[in-house]
Amino acid sequence: MESKWKIEYRDKALDELEVIIKKRPDLKEIIIQRLQALEDFPPEKWFELRRQKGHDVFTSDNQIVHISGEADPKTKTVWIHKITVGRS
């Protein structure tokens, strides 16, 4: 069985996540699903991927919850850069 990728948060991404869940507890399940999808990088749904400077850069595609960041295949780490909520 292949090991899961480690999820790390850069800058204020973890703070953004906490604020979103506090303000919009109805989105918590959606957010958890998206983050779990990133543990099995590359995710099979919800994200667009592209290669940039040796890393896979990802962003959620047309979602209420937008998650973006990059993944490092050498360390098997997914770095979350930003989490925001669009219009719902």
C-alpha atoms as a PDB file:
ATOM      1  CA  MET A   1       0.000   0.000   0.000  1.00  0.00           C
ATOM      2  CA  GLU A   2       1.353   3.385  -0.969  1.00  0.00           C
ATOM      3  CA  SER A   3       1.883   5.868   1.848  1.00  0.00           C
ATOM      4  CA  LYS A   4      -0.184   9.027   2.165  1.00  0.00           C
ATOM      5  CA  TRP A   5       1.267  12.428   1.410  1.00  0.00           C
ATOM      6  CA  LYS A   6       1.850  14.791   4.318  1.00  0.00           C
ATOM      7  CA  ILE A   7      -0.271  17.977   4.338  1.00  0.00           C
ATOM      8  CA  GLU A   8       1.491  21.157   5.497  1.00  0.00           C
ATOM      9  CA  TYR A   9       0.178  24.730   5.641  1.00  0.00           C
ATOM     10  CA  ARG A  10       2.215  27.738   4.531  1.00  0.00           C
ATOM     11  CA  ASP A  11       1.881  31.337   5.624  1.00  0.00           C
ATOM     12  CA  LYS A  12      -1.610  31.932   6.998  1.00  0.00           C
ATOM     13  CA  ALA A  13      -3.369  28.997   5.303  1.00  0.00           C
ATOM     14  CA  LEU A  14      -4.086  27.194   8.584  1.00  0.00           C
ATOM     15  CA  ASP A  15      -5.468  30.416  10.088  1.00  0.00           C
ATOM     16  CA  GLU A  16      -7.664  30.853   6.987  1.00  0.00           C
ATOM     17  CA  LEU A  17      -8.924  27.288   7.388  1.00  0.00           C
ATOM     18  CA  GLU A  18      -9.835  27.822  11.044  1.00  0.00           C
ATOM     19  CA  VAL A  19     -11.701  31.065  10.252  1.00  0.00           C
ATOM     20  CA  ILE A  20     -13.635  29.450   7.403  1.00  0.00           C
ATOM     21  CA  ILE A  21     -14.727  26.486   9.525  1.00  0.00           C
ATOM     22  CA  LYS A  22     -15.742  28.808  12.369  1.00  0.00           C
ATOM     23  CA  LYS A  23     -17.762  31.084  10.055  1.00  0.00           C
ATOM     24  CA  ARG A  24     -19.100  28.321   7.804  1.00  0.00           C
ATOM     25  CA  PRO A  25     -19.357  25.032   9.731  1.00  0.00           C
ATOM     26  CA  ASP A  26     -21.558  23.734   6.906  1.00  0.00           C
ATOM     27  CA  LEU A  27     -18.437  23.632   4.694  1.00  0.00           C
ATOM     28  CA  LYS A  28     -16.333  21.577   7.102  1.00  0.00           C
ATOM     29  CA  GLU A  29     -17.172  18.232   5.466  1.00  0.00           C
ATOM     30  CA  ILE A  30     -16.376  19.568   1.980  1.00  0.00           C
ATOM     31  CA  ILE A  31     -13.037  20.918   3.189  1.00  0.00           C
ATOM     32  CA  ILE A  32     -12.147  17.609   4.863  1.00  0.00           C
ATOM     33  CA  GLN A  33     -12.968  15.721   1.633  1.00  0.00           C
ATOM     34  CA  ARG A  34     -10.709  18.019  -0.412  1.00  0.00           C
ATOM     35  CA  LEU A  35      -7.821  17.741   2.039  1.00  0.00           C
ATOM     36  CA  GLN A  36      -8.153  13.946   2.162  1.00  0.00           C
ATOM     37  CA  ALA A  37      -8.042  13.871  -1.643  1.00  0.00           C
ATOM     38  CA  LEU A  38      -4.672  15.648  -1.474  1.00  0.00           C
ATOM     39  CA  GLU A  39      -3.260  12.908   0.795  1.00  0.00           C
ATOM     40  CA  ASP A  40      -3.420  10.585  -2.228  1.00  0.00           C
ATOM     41  CA  PHE A  41      -1.569  12.964  -4.511  1.00  0.00           C
ATOM     42  CA  PRO A  42      -2.270  13.519  -7.325  1.00  0.00           C
ATOM     43  CA  PRO A  43      -5.946  13.898  -6.469  1.00  0.00           C
ATOM     44  CA  GLU A  44      -8.340  12.298  -8.912  1.00  0.00           C
ATOM     45  CA  LYS A  45     -11.063  14.940  -8.600  1.00  0.00           C
ATOM     46  CA  TRP A  46     -11.773  18.499  -7.471  1.00  0.00           C
ATOM     47  CA  PHE A  47      -8.368  19.882  -8.461  1.00  0.00           C
ATOM     48  CA  GLU A  48      -6.568  21.152 -11.543  1.00  0.00           C
ATOM     49  CA  LEU A  49      -2.865  20.257 -11.675  1.00  0.00           C
ATOM     50  CA  ARG A  50       0.050  21.732 -13.606  1.00  0.00           C
ATOM     51  CA  ARG A  51       3.837  21.370 -13.440  1.00  0.00           C
ATOM     52  CA  GLN A  52       5.803  24.487 -12.453  1.00  0.00           C
ATOM     53  CA  LYS A  53       9.504  24.717 -11.547  1.00  0.00           C
ATOM     54  CA  GLY A  54       9.747  21.025 -10.662  1.00  0.00           C
ATOM     55  CA  HIS A  55       6.647  20.972  -8.483  1.00  0.00           C
ATOM     56  CA  ASP A  56       3.036  20.064  -9.108  1.00  0.00           C
ATOM     57  CA  VAL A  57       0.900  23.147  -8.524  1.00  0.00           C
ATOM     58  CA  PHE A  58      -2.776  22.594  -7.762  1.00  0.00           C
ATOM     59  CA  THR A  59      -5.930  24.611  -7.346  1.00  0.00           C
ATOM     60  CA  SER A  60      -9.498  23.520  -6.761  1.00  0.00           C
ATOM     61  CA  ASP A  61     -11.583  23.852  -9.891  1.00  0.00           C
ATOM     62  CA  ASN A  62     -14.663  26.101  -9.748  1.00  0.00           C
ATOM     63  CA  GLN A  63     -15.616  25.185  -6.191  1.00  0.00           C
ATOM     64  CA  ILE A  64     -17.213  26.976  -3.259  1.00  0.00           C
ATOM     65  CA  VAL A  65     -14.047  26.194  -1.293  1.00  0.00           C
ATOM     66  CA  HIS A  66     -10.841  27.149  -3.122  1.00  0.00           C
ATOM     67  CA  ILE A  67      -7.638  25.407  -2.042  1.00  0.00           C
ATOM     68  CA  SER A  68      -4.347  26.065  -3.788  1.00  0.00           C
ATOM     69  CA  GLY A  69      -0.750  25.088  -3.238  1.00  0.00           C
ATOM     70  CA  GLU A  70       2.017  22.813  -4.461  1.00  0.00           C
ATOM     71  CA  ALA A  71       3.292  19.296  -3.978  1.00  0.00           C
ATOM     72  CA  ASP A  72       6.887  18.127  -3.641  1.00  0.00           C
ATOM     73  CA  PRO A  73       7.313  14.542  -4.877  1.00  0.00           C
ATOM     74  CA  LYS A  74      10.748  14.213  -3.237  1.00  0.00           C
ATOM     75  CA  THR A  75       9.361  14.689   0.280  1.00  0.00           C
ATOM     76  CA  LYS A  76       5.796  13.548  -0.500  1.00  0.00           C
ATOM     77  CA  THR A  77       4.547  16.791   1.021  1.00  0.00           C
ATOM     78  CA  VAL A  78       1.542  18.810  -0.126  1.00  0.00           C
ATOM     79  CA  TRP A  79       1.888  22.486   0.792  1.00  0.00           C
ATOM     80  CA  ILE A  80      -1.408  24.384   1.150  1.00  0.00           C
ATOM     81  CA  HIS A  81      -0.813  28.042   0.275  1.00  0.00           C
ATOM     82  CA  LYS A  82      -4.300  29.482   0.401  1.00  0.00           C
ATOM     83  CA  ILE A  83      -7.844  28.521   1.377  1.00  0.00           C
ATOM     84  CA  THR A  84     -10.780  30.784   0.551  1.00  0.00           C
ATOM     85  CA  VAL A  85     -14.544  30.528   0.130  1.00  0.00           C
ATOM     86  CA  GLY A  86     -16.208  31.730  -3.035  1.00  0.00           C
ATOM     87  CA  ARG A  87     -19.816  32.684  -3.476  1.00  0.00           C
ATOM     88  CA  SER A  88     -22.347  30.110  -2.419  1.00  0.00           C
END
